[in-house]
Amino acid sequence: MDVAEFRFSVSLSALKLTFMLLFALTPVEGQLHVVGSPQPIVAAPGDDVILPCHVEPKFNVVGLTVEWSRPDRNMEYVHLYRHNREMTYIGRTALFTDGLREGNISLRITNVTQEDEGRYKCFIPKLKSQTKSLIVHLIVAKTVTTETPLHPETLQTPNLAEEFHSKGGLSRRSRLIPFGVSVFFIVLCVTVAGCWFAESKCQKTDVKDLNL
């Protein structure tokens, strides 16, 4: 094996090792998460409310199915989005279709009643993630002390993401990224050092052969 072939073999082996380590440290599945408000949404009878639900990081869900149901009432569907069409099962629900491209699957309920109180589940069946659903609790009270957002512009989805991060939802991924970068640079340094060492060794061998 000549010097050029030896150098190429060492570089190729180091490159393969680098890609293998990076692939092993990068989470392939579970990068997307369905997030929402950890606190109950409170409204008064007759109000319009938004049940916040969002895919984090932002992800286009226009081509996916979005299901809203009520597990506490055994209602399979409250609202269904499928094949770019919306179907409401109580007549007072809607999604923000303009926000679907950014992963906003929040549900708006108009003119809420006491019967609307309970647990709501938003679910994206074909989302490639371990977190495909979320439960939002709606409380309908006669006296409401907190304001409920009525427009999608007031729905602070970045804050929802911060709350999700504060709960450690993406802590594993946050730790893996800097660790993976560090490993990459270490492997890169080892590769350069290996190539330099191999080149020096080959040069010494060539010099010895010439002397002989």
N, C-alpha and C. Protein backbone atom coordinates (compact mmCIF):
# COMPACT_ATOMS: atom_id res chain seq x y z
N MET A 1 0.86 -1.21 0.00
CA MET A 1 0.00 0.00 0.00
C MET A 1 0.88 1.24 0.00
N ASP A 2 0.70 2.15 -0.96
CA ASP A 2 1.52 3.34 -1.02
C ASP A 2 1.01 4.40 -0.06
N VAL A 3 1.71 5.54 0.00
CA VAL A 3 1.39 6.60 0.96
C VAL A 3 0.00 7.17 0.72
N ALA A 4 -0.35 7.43 -0.53
CA ALA A 4 -1.65 8.03 -0.86
C ALA A 4 -2.80 7.11 -0.46
N GLU A 5 -2.65 5.82 -0.73
CA GLU A 5 -3.71 4.88 -0.36
C GLU A 5 -3.85 4.76 1.15
N PHE A 6 -2.71 4.79 1.84
CA PHE A 6 -2.75 4.70 3.30
C PHE A 6 -3.45 5.91 3.90
N ARG A 7 -3.11 7.11 3.41
CA ARG A 7 -3.77 8.33 3.91
C ARG A 7 -5.26 8.28 3.65
N PHE A 8 -5.66 7.85 2.45
CA PHE A 8 -7.09 7.79 2.12
C PHE A 8 -7.82 6.80 3.03
N SER A 9 -7.18 5.68 3.34
CA SER A 9 -7.80 4.67 4.20
C SER A 9 -8.02 5.20 5.61
N VAL A 10 -7.01 5.90 6.15
CA VAL A 10 -7.14 6.47 7.50
C VAL A 10 -8.22 7.53 7.54
N SER A 11 -8.26 8.43 6.55
CA SER A 11 -9.26 9.50 6.51
C SER A 11 -10.67 8.94 6.39
N LEU A 12 -10.84 7.91 5.54
CA LEU A 12 -12.15 7.32 5.33
C LEU A 12 -12.65 6.65 6.60
N SER A 13 -11.78 5.96 7.31
CA SER A 13 -12.17 5.29 8.55
C SER A 13 -12.59 6.31 9.61
N ALA A 14 -11.83 7.39 9.73
CA ALA A 14 -12.17 8.43 10.70
C ALA A 14 -13.48 9.11 10.35
N LEU A 15 -13.71 9.33 9.05
CA LEU A 15 -14.95 9.97 8.61
C LEU A 15 -16.15 9.08 8.92
N LYS A 16 -16.01 7.79 8.69
CA LYS A 16 -17.09 6.86 9.00
C LYS A 16 -17.41 6.87 10.49
N LEU A 17 -16.35 6.89 11.31
CA LEU A 17 -16.55 6.91 12.76
C LEU A 17 -17.27 8.17 13.19
N THR A 18 -16.92 9.31 12.58
CA THR A 18 -17.57 10.58 12.93
C THR A 18 -19.05 10.54 12.63
N PHE A 19 -19.42 10.07 11.43
CA PHE A 19 -20.83 10.01 11.06
C PHE A 19 -21.60 9.02 11.93
N MET A 20 -20.97 7.92 12.29
CA MET A 20 -21.64 6.94 13.15
C MET A 20 -21.94 7.52 14.52
N LEU A 21 -20.99 8.26 15.08
CA LEU A 21 -21.21 8.88 16.39
C LEU A 21 -22.28 9.95 16.34
N LEU A 22 -22.24 10.78 15.31
CA LEU A 22 -23.25 11.83 15.19
C LEU A 22 -24.63 11.24 14.98
N PHE A 23 -24.75 10.19 14.19
CA PHE A 23 -26.04 9.55 13.94
C PHE A 23 -26.58 8.92 15.21
N ALA A 24 -25.70 8.35 16.01
CA ALA A 24 -26.14 7.70 17.25
C ALA A 24 -26.58 8.72 18.28
N LEU A 25 -25.99 9.93 18.26
CA LEU A 25 -26.31 10.94 19.25
C LEU A 25 -27.47 11.83 18.84
N THR A 26 -27.89 11.76 17.57
CA THR A 26 -28.99 12.60 17.10
C THR A 26 -30.31 11.86 17.25
N PRO A 27 -31.30 12.42 18.00
CA PRO A 27 -32.59 11.75 18.15
C PRO A 27 -33.36 11.77 16.84
N VAL A 28 -33.54 10.61 16.23
CA VAL A 28 -34.24 10.54 14.94
C VAL A 28 -35.73 10.74 15.13
N GLU A 29 -36.27 10.16 16.17
CA GLU A 29 -37.70 10.23 16.40
C GLU A 29 -37.96 10.95 17.71
N GLY A 30 -39.08 11.63 17.79
CA GLY A 30 -39.42 12.30 19.03
C GLY A 30 -38.98 13.75 19.08
N GLN A 31 -38.52 14.30 17.95
CA GLN A 31 -38.11 15.68 17.94
C GLN A 31 -39.31 16.62 18.02
N LEU A 32 -40.43 16.22 17.47
CA LEU A 32 -41.65 17.02 17.51
C LEU A 32 -42.44 16.68 18.77
N HIS A 33 -43.05 17.69 19.35
CA HIS A 33 -43.84 17.49 20.56
C HIS A 33 -45.12 18.33 20.48
N VAL A 34 -46.21 17.78 20.97
CA VAL A 34 -47.46 18.52 21.07
C VAL A 34 -47.49 19.18 22.44
N VAL A 35 -47.58 20.50 22.45
CA VAL A 35 -47.54 21.26 23.70
C VAL A 35 -48.79 22.13 23.81
N GLY A 36 -49.07 22.56 25.04
CA GLY A 36 -50.25 23.39 25.29
C GLY A 36 -50.13 24.04 26.65
N SER A 37 -51.24 24.52 27.16
CA SER A 37 -51.23 25.19 28.46
C SER A 37 -51.26 24.17 29.59
N PRO A 38 -50.31 24.25 30.55
CA PRO A 38 -50.34 23.33 31.68
C PRO A 38 -51.43 23.69 32.69
N GLN A 39 -51.97 24.90 32.58
CA GLN A 39 -53.02 25.36 33.49
C GLN A 39 -54.38 25.24 32.82
N PRO A 40 -55.43 25.03 33.62
CA PRO A 40 -56.79 24.97 33.05
C PRO A 40 -57.17 26.29 32.38
N ILE A 41 -57.96 26.19 31.32
CA ILE A 41 -58.50 27.37 30.65
C ILE A 41 -59.85 27.69 31.31
N VAL A 42 -59.96 28.91 31.80
CA VAL A 42 -61.16 29.31 32.54
C VAL A 42 -61.97 30.30 31.71
N ALA A 43 -63.28 30.08 31.63
CA ALA A 43 -64.16 30.95 30.85
C ALA A 43 -65.51 31.05 31.55
N ALA A 44 -66.25 32.08 31.19
CA ALA A 44 -67.60 32.26 31.70
C ALA A 44 -68.60 31.82 30.65
N PRO A 45 -69.79 31.42 31.05
CA PRO A 45 -70.81 31.04 30.06
C PRO A 45 -71.05 32.14 29.04
N GLY A 46 -71.05 31.75 27.76
CA GLY A 46 -71.25 32.72 26.69
C GLY A 46 -69.97 33.24 26.08
N ASP A 47 -68.83 32.95 26.72
CA ASP A 47 -67.55 33.42 26.19
C ASP A 47 -67.11 32.58 25.00
N ASP A 48 -66.19 33.16 24.23
CA ASP A 48 -65.47 32.42 23.21
C ASP A 48 -64.08 32.11 23.77
N VAL A 49 -63.65 30.87 23.69
CA VAL A 49 -62.37 30.49 24.28
C VAL A 49 -61.50 29.76 23.26
N ILE A 50 -60.22 29.70 23.56
CA ILE A 50 -59.27 28.96 22.76
C ILE A 50 -58.58 27.93 23.64
N LEU A 51 -58.65 26.69 23.20
CA LEU A 51 -57.92 25.62 23.88
C LEU A 51 -56.57 25.48 23.17
N PRO A 52 -55.48 25.94 23.80
CA PRO A 52 -54.20 26.00 23.10
C PRO A 52 -53.57 24.63 22.90
N CYS A 53 -53.09 24.40 21.69
CA CYS A 53 -52.38 23.17 21.35
C CYS A 53 -51.50 23.48 20.15
N HIS A 54 -50.25 23.08 20.24
CA HIS A 54 -49.28 23.49 19.23
C HIS A 54 -48.21 22.43 19.08
N VAL A 55 -47.70 22.28 17.86
CA VAL A 55 -46.57 21.37 17.61
C VAL A 55 -45.29 22.18 17.74
N GLU A 56 -44.40 21.70 18.58
CA GLU A 56 -43.13 22.38 18.83
C GLU A 56 -41.99 21.43 18.52
N PRO A 57 -40.98 21.84 17.73
CA PRO A 57 -40.91 23.12 17.01
C PRO A 57 -41.94 23.19 15.89
N LYS A 58 -42.09 24.37 15.30
CA LYS A 58 -43.13 24.59 14.31
C LYS A 58 -43.04 23.56 13.18
N PHE A 59 -44.20 23.00 12.84
CA PHE A 59 -44.24 21.94 11.84
C PHE A 59 -45.55 22.03 11.07
N ASN A 60 -45.46 21.91 9.76
CA ASN A 60 -46.64 22.01 8.90
C ASN A 60 -47.50 20.75 9.04
N VAL A 61 -48.74 20.91 9.54
CA VAL A 61 -49.63 19.77 9.74
C VAL A 61 -50.83 19.80 8.79
N VAL A 62 -50.71 20.60 7.73
CA VAL A 62 -51.84 20.73 6.80
C VAL A 62 -52.22 19.38 6.20
N GLY A 63 -51.26 18.55 5.91
CA GLY A 63 -51.55 17.26 5.30
C GLY A 63 -51.85 16.15 6.28
N LEU A 64 -51.90 16.45 7.57
CA LEU A 64 -52.14 15.43 8.59
C LEU A 64 -53.57 15.52 9.12
N THR A 65 -53.95 14.52 9.89
CA THR A 65 -55.26 14.50 10.55
C THR A 65 -55.12 15.06 11.96
N VAL A 66 -56.04 15.94 12.33
CA VAL A 66 -56.06 16.52 13.67
C VAL A 66 -57.39 16.16 14.33
N GLU A 67 -57.32 15.54 15.48
CA GLU A 67 -58.54 15.11 16.18
C GLU A 67 -58.64 15.80 17.54
N TRP A 68 -59.81 16.35 17.81
CA TRP A 68 -60.14 16.86 19.14
C TRP A 68 -61.28 16.02 19.69
N SER A 69 -61.10 15.50 20.88
CA SER A 69 -62.11 14.64 21.48
C SER A 69 -62.29 15.00 22.96
N ARG A 70 -63.28 14.33 23.60
CA ARG A 70 -63.51 14.54 25.03
C ARG A 70 -63.49 13.18 25.72
N PRO A 71 -62.35 12.75 26.22
CA PRO A 71 -62.26 11.42 26.84
C PRO A 71 -63.12 11.27 28.08
N ASP A 72 -63.39 12.37 28.79
CA ASP A 72 -64.20 12.26 30.01
C ASP A 72 -65.69 12.10 29.70
N ARG A 73 -66.08 12.41 28.46
CA ARG A 73 -67.48 12.26 28.04
C ARG A 73 -67.65 11.15 27.01
N ASN A 74 -66.58 10.40 26.76
CA ASN A 74 -66.61 9.33 25.76
C ASN A 74 -67.05 9.83 24.39
N MET A 75 -66.67 11.07 24.08
CA MET A 75 -66.96 11.64 22.76
C MET A 75 -65.73 11.42 21.87
N GLU A 76 -65.88 10.59 20.87
CA GLU A 76 -64.74 10.28 19.99
C GLU A 76 -64.23 11.51 19.28
N TYR A 77 -65.16 12.36 18.84
CA TYR A 77 -64.75 13.59 18.16
C TYR A 77 -65.57 14.77 18.67
N VAL A 78 -64.86 15.88 18.89
CA VAL A 78 -65.49 17.17 19.08
C VAL A 78 -65.29 18.00 17.82
N HIS A 79 -64.09 17.84 17.27
CA HIS A 79 -63.75 18.52 16.02
C HIS A 79 -62.73 17.65 15.29
N LEU A 80 -62.88 17.56 13.97
CA LEU A 80 -62.00 16.72 13.17
C LEU A 80 -61.53 17.47 11.94
N TYR A 81 -60.21 17.42 11.72
CA TYR A 81 -59.62 17.98 10.50
C TYR A 81 -58.97 16.84 9.75
N ARG A 82 -59.43 16.61 8.53
CA ARG A 82 -58.92 15.50 7.72
C ARG A 82 -59.09 15.83 6.24
N HIS A 83 -58.07 15.55 5.46
CA HIS A 83 -58.10 15.80 4.01
C HIS A 83 -58.45 17.27 3.71
N ASN A 84 -57.83 18.17 4.47
CA ASN A 84 -58.02 19.62 4.29
C ASN A 84 -59.46 20.07 4.51
N ARG A 85 -60.21 19.29 5.27
CA ARG A 85 -61.59 19.66 5.59
C ARG A 85 -61.82 19.59 7.09
N GLU A 86 -62.67 20.51 7.58
CA GLU A 86 -63.01 20.52 9.00
C GLU A 86 -64.42 20.00 9.21
N MET A 87 -64.58 19.24 10.27
CA MET A 87 -65.91 18.75 10.66
C MET A 87 -66.11 19.02 12.14
N THR A 88 -67.15 19.77 12.48
CA THR A 88 -67.46 20.07 13.86
C THR A 88 -68.64 19.22 14.32
N TYR A 89 -68.52 18.71 15.53
CA TYR A 89 -69.55 17.80 16.03
C TYR A 89 -70.44 18.44 17.08
N ILE A 90 -70.11 19.65 17.49
CA ILE A 90 -71.01 20.36 18.42
C ILE A 90 -71.45 21.70 17.83
N GLY A 91 -70.96 21.99 16.60
CA GLY A 91 -71.44 23.16 15.88
C GLY A 91 -70.81 24.48 16.29
N ARG A 92 -69.95 24.50 17.29
CA ARG A 92 -69.39 25.77 17.77
C ARG A 92 -67.87 25.72 17.88
N THR A 93 -67.26 24.86 17.09
CA THR A 93 -65.80 24.72 17.16
C THR A 93 -65.15 25.01 15.81
N ALA A 94 -63.88 25.41 15.86
CA ALA A 94 -63.14 25.70 14.64
C ALA A 94 -61.65 25.71 14.94
N LEU A 95 -60.86 25.38 13.93
CA LEU A 95 -59.41 25.50 14.02
C LEU A 95 -58.97 26.79 13.33
N PHE A 96 -57.75 27.19 13.57
CA PHE A 96 -57.18 28.33 12.88
C PHE A 96 -56.40 27.79 11.67
N THR A 97 -57.11 27.64 10.57
CA THR A 97 -56.53 26.97 9.40
C THR A 97 -55.29 27.68 8.88
N ASP A 98 -55.21 29.00 9.05
CA ASP A 98 -54.02 29.72 8.61
C ASP A 98 -52.80 29.38 9.45
N GLY A 99 -53.04 28.87 10.65
CA GLY A 99 -51.92 28.55 11.54
C GLY A 99 -51.46 27.11 11.45
N LEU A 100 -52.16 26.29 10.67
CA LEU A 100 -51.78 24.87 10.57
C LEU A 100 -50.39 24.70 9.98
N ARG A 101 -49.99 25.58 9.10
CA ARG A 101 -48.66 25.47 8.49
C ARG A 101 -47.55 25.67 9.52
N GLU A 102 -47.87 26.31 10.62
CA GLU A 102 -46.89 26.52 11.68
C GLU A 102 -47.14 25.60 12.87
N GLY A 103 -48.03 24.63 12.70
CA GLY A 103 -48.27 23.67 13.77
C GLY A 103 -49.28 24.10 14.81
N ASN A 104 -50.03 25.18 14.54
CA ASN A 104 -51.04 25.64 15.49
C ASN A 104 -52.33 24.84 15.28
N ILE A 105 -52.65 23.97 16.23
CA ILE A 105 -53.88 23.16 16.13
C ILE A 105 -54.83 23.50 17.27
N SER A 106 -54.75 24.72 17.77
CA SER A 106 -55.63 25.17 18.86
C SER A 106 -57.09 25.13 18.42
N LEU A 107 -57.95 24.84 19.37
CA LEU A 107 -59.39 24.74 19.08
C LEU A 107 -60.13 25.93 19.67
N ARG A 108 -60.93 26.59 18.85
CA ARG A 108 -61.76 27.70 19.33
C ARG A 108 -63.19 27.20 19.54
N ILE A 109 -63.73 27.50 20.70
CA ILE A 109 -65.12 27.16 21.03
C ILE A 109 -65.86 28.46 21.28
N THR A 110 -66.94 28.68 20.56
CA THR A 110 -67.72 29.90 20.73
C THR A 110 -68.92 29.63 21.63
N ASN A 111 -69.31 30.68 22.37
CA ASN A 111 -70.51 30.64 23.21
C ASN A 111 -70.52 29.39 24.12
N VAL A 112 -69.48 29.29 24.95
CA VAL A 112 -69.36 28.10 25.79
C VAL A 112 -70.49 28.03 26.81
N THR A 113 -70.83 26.82 27.18
CA THR A 113 -71.86 26.56 28.19
C THR A 113 -71.26 25.70 29.29
N GLN A 114 -72.03 25.48 30.33
CA GLN A 114 -71.56 24.65 31.43
C GLN A 114 -71.29 23.22 30.97
N GLU A 115 -72.02 22.79 29.94
CA GLU A 115 -71.83 21.44 29.41
C GLU A 115 -70.48 21.27 28.71
N ASP A 116 -69.85 22.40 28.34
CA ASP A 116 -68.56 22.32 27.66
C ASP A 116 -67.41 22.09 28.63
N GLU A 117 -67.66 22.23 29.90
CA GLU A 117 -66.59 22.06 30.88
C GLU A 117 -66.09 20.62 30.88
N GLY A 118 -64.77 20.46 30.98
CA GLY A 118 -64.20 19.12 31.03
C GLY A 118 -62.83 19.04 30.39
N ARG A 119 -62.43 17.82 30.09
CA ARG A 119 -61.11 17.56 29.52
C ARG A 119 -61.23 17.36 28.01
N TYR A 120 -60.34 18.03 27.27
CA TYR A 120 -60.29 17.93 25.81
C TYR A 120 -58.93 17.39 25.39
N LYS A 121 -58.95 16.52 24.41
CA LYS A 121 -57.72 15.91 23.93
C LYS A 121 -57.48 16.28 22.47
N CYS A 122 -56.32 16.88 22.20
CA CYS A 122 -55.93 17.11 20.81
C CYS A 122 -54.92 16.03 20.43
N PHE A 123 -55.08 15.50 19.24
CA PHE A 123 -54.33 14.31 18.85
C PHE A 123 -54.01 14.37 17.36
N ILE A 124 -52.75 14.11 17.02
CA ILE A 124 -52.31 14.02 15.62
C ILE A 124 -51.82 12.59 15.41
N PRO A 125 -52.65 11.70 14.89
CA PRO A 125 -52.31 10.27 14.82
C PRO A 125 -51.03 9.95 14.08
N LYS A 126 -50.75 10.65 12.97
CA LYS A 126 -49.62 10.29 12.13
C LYS A 126 -48.40 11.18 12.34
N LEU A 127 -48.39 11.91 13.44
CA LEU A 127 -47.22 12.73 13.75
C LEU A 127 -46.07 11.81 14.16
N LYS A 128 -44.91 11.98 13.52
CA LYS A 128 -43.76 11.13 13.81
C LYS A 128 -43.07 11.61 15.08
N SER A 129 -43.69 11.27 16.20
CA SER A 129 -43.19 11.67 17.50
C SER A 129 -43.75 10.75 18.56
N GLN A 130 -43.08 10.70 19.69
CA GLN A 130 -43.59 9.94 20.82
C GLN A 130 -44.69 10.71 21.55
N THR A 131 -44.73 12.03 21.33
CA THR A 131 -45.76 12.87 21.96
C THR A 131 -46.71 13.36 20.88
N LYS A 132 -47.82 12.65 20.71
CA LYS A 132 -48.76 12.96 19.65
C LYS A 132 -50.04 13.61 20.15
N SER A 133 -50.24 13.69 21.46
CA SER A 133 -51.51 14.19 21.99
C SER A 133 -51.28 15.04 23.23
N LEU A 134 -52.34 15.74 23.62
CA LEU A 134 -52.27 16.62 24.78
C LEU A 134 -53.67 16.78 25.35
N ILE A 135 -53.76 16.89 26.67
CA ILE A 135 -55.04 17.12 27.34
C ILE A 135 -55.11 18.57 27.80
N VAL A 136 -56.22 19.24 27.46
CA VAL A 136 -56.48 20.60 27.91
C VAL A 136 -57.74 20.59 28.75
N HIS A 137 -57.68 21.20 29.92
CA HIS A 137 -58.82 21.21 30.83
C HIS A 137 -59.55 22.55 30.74
N LEU A 138 -60.82 22.52 30.44
CA LEU A 138 -61.64 23.74 30.36
C LEU A 138 -62.57 23.82 31.56
N ILE A 139 -62.54 24.96 32.23
CA ILE A 139 -63.43 25.23 33.37
C ILE A 139 -64.37 26.36 32.98
N VAL A 140 -65.65 26.12 33.12
CA VAL A 140 -66.66 27.14 32.84
C VAL A 140 -67.25 27.59 34.16
N ALA A 141 -66.97 28.84 34.54
CA ALA A 141 -67.42 29.37 35.83
C ALA A 141 -68.17 30.67 35.61
N LYS A 142 -69.10 30.96 36.50
CA LYS A 142 -69.89 32.19 36.38
C LYS A 142 -69.04 33.43 36.63
N THR A 143 -68.06 33.30 37.52
CA THR A 143 -67.15 34.40 37.81
C THR A 143 -65.77 34.04 37.32
N VAL A 144 -65.28 34.81 36.38
CA VAL A 144 -63.97 34.56 35.80
C VAL A 144 -63.06 35.73 36.11
N THR A 145 -61.91 35.43 36.70
CA THR A 145 -60.97 36.48 37.06
C THR A 145 -59.82 36.61 36.06
N THR A 146 -59.65 35.61 35.21
CA THR A 146 -58.57 35.67 34.22
C THR A 146 -59.18 35.79 32.83
N GLU A 147 -58.52 36.56 32.00
CA GLU A 147 -58.99 36.74 30.65
C GLU A 147 -58.56 35.58 29.78
N THR A 148 -59.44 35.18 28.89
CA THR A 148 -59.14 34.11 27.95
C THR A 148 -58.90 34.70 26.58
N PRO A 149 -57.81 34.35 25.90
CA PRO A 149 -57.53 34.94 24.57
C PRO A 149 -58.61 34.57 23.57
N LEU A 150 -59.02 35.57 22.79
CA LEU A 150 -60.09 35.36 21.83
C LEU A 150 -59.58 35.32 20.40
N HIS A 151 -58.32 35.65 20.20
CA HIS A 151 -57.78 35.70 18.85
C HIS A 151 -56.48 34.92 18.81
N PRO A 152 -56.17 34.32 17.66
CA PRO A 152 -54.93 33.54 17.57
C PRO A 152 -53.68 34.38 17.77
N GLU A 153 -53.79 35.71 17.48
CA GLU A 153 -52.61 36.55 17.66
C GLU A 153 -52.22 36.66 19.13
N THR A 154 -53.20 36.52 20.02
CA THR A 154 -52.92 36.66 21.44
C THR A 154 -52.49 35.35 22.07
N LEU A 155 -52.52 34.30 21.29
CA LEU A 155 -52.11 33.00 21.80
C LEU A 155 -50.59 32.92 21.73
N GLN A 156 -49.93 33.03 22.88
CA GLN A 156 -48.49 33.11 22.92
C GLN A 156 -47.88 31.71 22.87
N THR A 157 -47.80 31.17 21.68
CA THR A 157 -47.24 29.82 21.57
C THR A 157 -45.76 29.75 21.95
N PRO A 158 -44.94 30.79 21.76
CA PRO A 158 -43.56 30.69 22.27
C PRO A 158 -43.52 30.47 23.76
N ASN A 159 -44.46 31.10 24.53
CA ASN A 159 -44.50 30.89 25.96
C ASN A 159 -44.85 29.45 26.29
N LEU A 160 -45.73 28.86 25.48
CA LEU A 160 -46.07 27.46 25.70
C LEU A 160 -44.82 26.60 25.53
N ALA A 161 -44.02 26.96 24.55
CA ALA A 161 -42.80 26.20 24.33
C ALA A 161 -41.84 26.36 25.50
N GLU A 162 -41.76 27.60 26.07
CA GLU A 162 -40.90 27.82 27.22
C GLU A 162 -41.36 27.01 28.41
N GLU A 163 -42.68 26.94 28.61
CA GLU A 163 -43.21 26.15 29.70
C GLU A 163 -42.88 24.68 29.49
N PHE A 164 -42.96 24.25 28.25
CA PHE A 164 -42.66 22.85 27.96
C PHE A 164 -41.18 22.56 28.23
N HIS A 165 -40.31 23.50 27.85
CA HIS A 165 -38.89 23.31 28.10
C HIS A 165 -38.60 23.33 29.60
N SER A 166 -39.30 24.22 30.35
CA SER A 166 -39.07 24.31 31.78
C SER A 166 -39.45 23.04 32.50
N LYS A 167 -40.36 22.26 31.91
CA LYS A 167 -40.75 20.99 32.49
C LYS A 167 -39.83 19.86 32.08
N GLY A 168 -38.83 20.18 31.27
CA GLY A 168 -37.87 19.17 30.88
C GLY A 168 -38.29 18.36 29.68
N GLY A 169 -39.27 18.84 28.92
CA GLY A 169 -39.77 18.08 27.80
C GLY A 169 -38.71 17.84 26.73
N LEU A 170 -37.81 18.81 26.55
CA LEU A 170 -36.78 18.66 25.54
C LEU A 170 -35.39 18.67 26.16
N SER A 171 -35.30 18.39 27.48
CA SER A 171 -34.02 18.46 28.16
C SER A 171 -33.02 17.48 27.57
N ARG A 172 -33.48 16.30 27.21
CA ARG A 172 -32.58 15.29 26.66
C ARG A 172 -31.99 15.75 25.35
N ARG A 173 -32.84 16.31 24.50
CA ARG A 173 -32.35 16.81 23.20
C ARG A 173 -31.40 17.97 23.40
N SER A 174 -31.71 18.87 24.39
CA SER A 174 -30.86 20.02 24.64
C SER A 174 -29.49 19.60 25.12
N ARG A 175 -29.44 18.49 25.86
CA ARG A 175 -28.15 18.01 26.33
C ARG A 175 -27.38 17.31 25.21
N LEU A 176 -28.08 16.63 24.30
CA LEU A 176 -27.42 15.87 23.26
C LEU A 176 -26.74 16.75 22.23
N ILE A 177 -27.35 17.91 21.91
CA ILE A 177 -26.81 18.77 20.86
C ILE A 177 -25.40 19.26 21.19
N PRO A 178 -25.17 19.92 22.37
CA PRO A 178 -23.80 20.35 22.65
C PRO A 178 -22.84 19.19 22.83
N PHE A 179 -23.32 18.09 23.38
CA PHE A 179 -22.47 16.92 23.55
C PHE A 179 -22.04 16.36 22.20
N GLY A 180 -23.00 16.31 21.25
CA GLY A 180 -22.69 15.82 19.91
C GLY A 180 -21.68 16.70 19.21
N VAL A 181 -21.81 18.03 19.40
CA VAL A 181 -20.86 18.97 18.78
C VAL A 181 -19.47 18.76 19.36
N SER A 182 -19.39 18.57 20.68
CA SER A 182 -18.10 18.35 21.32
C SER A 182 -17.44 17.08 20.80
N VAL A 183 -18.24 16.01 20.69
CA VAL A 183 -17.71 14.75 20.18
C VAL A 183 -17.22 14.91 18.75
N PHE A 184 -17.97 15.68 17.95
CA PHE A 184 -17.59 15.90 16.55
C PHE A 184 -16.21 16.56 16.46
N PHE A 185 -15.99 17.60 17.29
CA PHE A 185 -14.71 18.29 17.25
C PHE A 185 -13.58 17.40 17.77
N ILE A 186 -13.88 16.58 18.78
CA ILE A 186 -12.86 15.66 19.29
C ILE A 186 -12.45 14.68 18.21
N VAL A 187 -13.47 14.09 17.53
CA VAL A 187 -13.18 13.13 16.47
C VAL A 187 -12.43 13.80 15.33
N LEU A 188 -12.81 15.05 15.04
CA LEU A 188 -12.12 15.78 13.97
C LEU A 188 -10.66 16.00 14.31
N CYS A 189 -10.39 16.36 15.57
CA CYS A 189 -9.00 16.56 16.00
C CYS A 189 -8.22 15.26 15.93
N VAL A 190 -8.87 14.16 16.36
CA VAL A 190 -8.22 12.85 16.30
C VAL A 190 -7.91 12.48 14.85
N THR A 191 -8.85 12.79 13.95
CA THR A 191 -8.64 12.49 12.53
C THR A 191 -7.45 13.24 11.97
N VAL A 192 -7.38 14.54 12.27
CA VAL A 192 -6.27 15.36 11.77
C VAL A 192 -4.95 14.86 12.34
N ALA A 193 -4.97 14.54 13.65
CA ALA A 193 -3.74 14.05 14.28
C ALA A 193 -3.32 12.71 13.69
N GLY A 194 -4.33 11.85 13.41
CA GLY A 194 -4.02 10.55 12.83
C GLY A 194 -3.43 10.68 11.45
N CYS A 195 -3.99 11.57 10.64
CA CYS A 195 -3.46 11.78 9.29
C CYS A 195 -2.04 12.35 9.35
N TRP A 196 -1.83 13.30 10.29
CA TRP A 196 -0.49 13.88 10.43
C TRP A 196 0.52 12.84 10.85
N PHE A 197 0.11 11.97 11.81
CA PHE A 197 1.00 10.92 12.30
C PHE A 197 1.31 9.93 11.18
N ALA A 198 0.25 9.56 10.41
CA ALA A 198 0.46 8.60 9.32
C ALA A 198 1.37 9.18 8.26
N GLU A 199 1.20 10.47 7.97
CA GLU A 199 2.04 11.10 6.97
C GLU A 199 3.48 11.17 7.43
N SER A 200 3.69 11.49 8.73
CA SER A 200 5.05 11.56 9.26
C SER A 200 5.71 10.20 9.23
N LYS A 201 4.93 9.18 9.58
CA LYS A 201 5.47 7.82 9.59
C LYS A 201 5.86 7.38 8.18
N CYS A 202 5.02 7.70 7.23
CA CYS A 202 5.31 7.34 5.85
C CYS A 202 6.54 8.07 5.33
N GLN A 203 6.67 9.35 5.71
CA GLN A 203 7.83 10.12 5.28
C GLN A 203 9.11 9.55 5.86
N LYS A 204 9.06 9.14 7.14
CA LYS A 204 10.25 8.54 7.77
C LYS A 204 10.60 7.23 7.08
N THR A 205 9.56 6.46 6.72
CA THR A 205 9.78 5.19 6.04
C THR A 205 10.44 5.42 4.68
N ASP A 206 9.95 6.44 3.97
CA ASP A 206 10.51 6.77 2.66
C ASP A 206 11.99 7.18 2.79
N VAL A 207 12.29 7.98 3.83
CA VAL A 207 13.66 8.43 4.03
C VAL A 207 14.57 7.26 4.35
N LYS A 208 14.09 6.34 5.18
CA LYS A 208 14.87 5.15 5.55
C LYS A 208 15.14 4.30 4.32
N ASP A 209 14.12 4.13 3.47
CA ASP A 209 14.29 3.35 2.26
C ASP A 209 15.32 3.98 1.33
N LEU A 210 15.30 5.31 1.29
CA LEU A 210 16.27 6.00 0.42
C LEU A 210 17.70 5.82 0.94
N ASN A 211 17.85 5.87 2.28
CA ASN A 211 19.15 5.73 2.88
C ASN A 211 19.70 4.32 2.65
N LEU A 212 18.75 3.34 2.65
CA LEU A 212 19.17 1.98 2.42
C LEU A 212 19.59 1.80 0.95
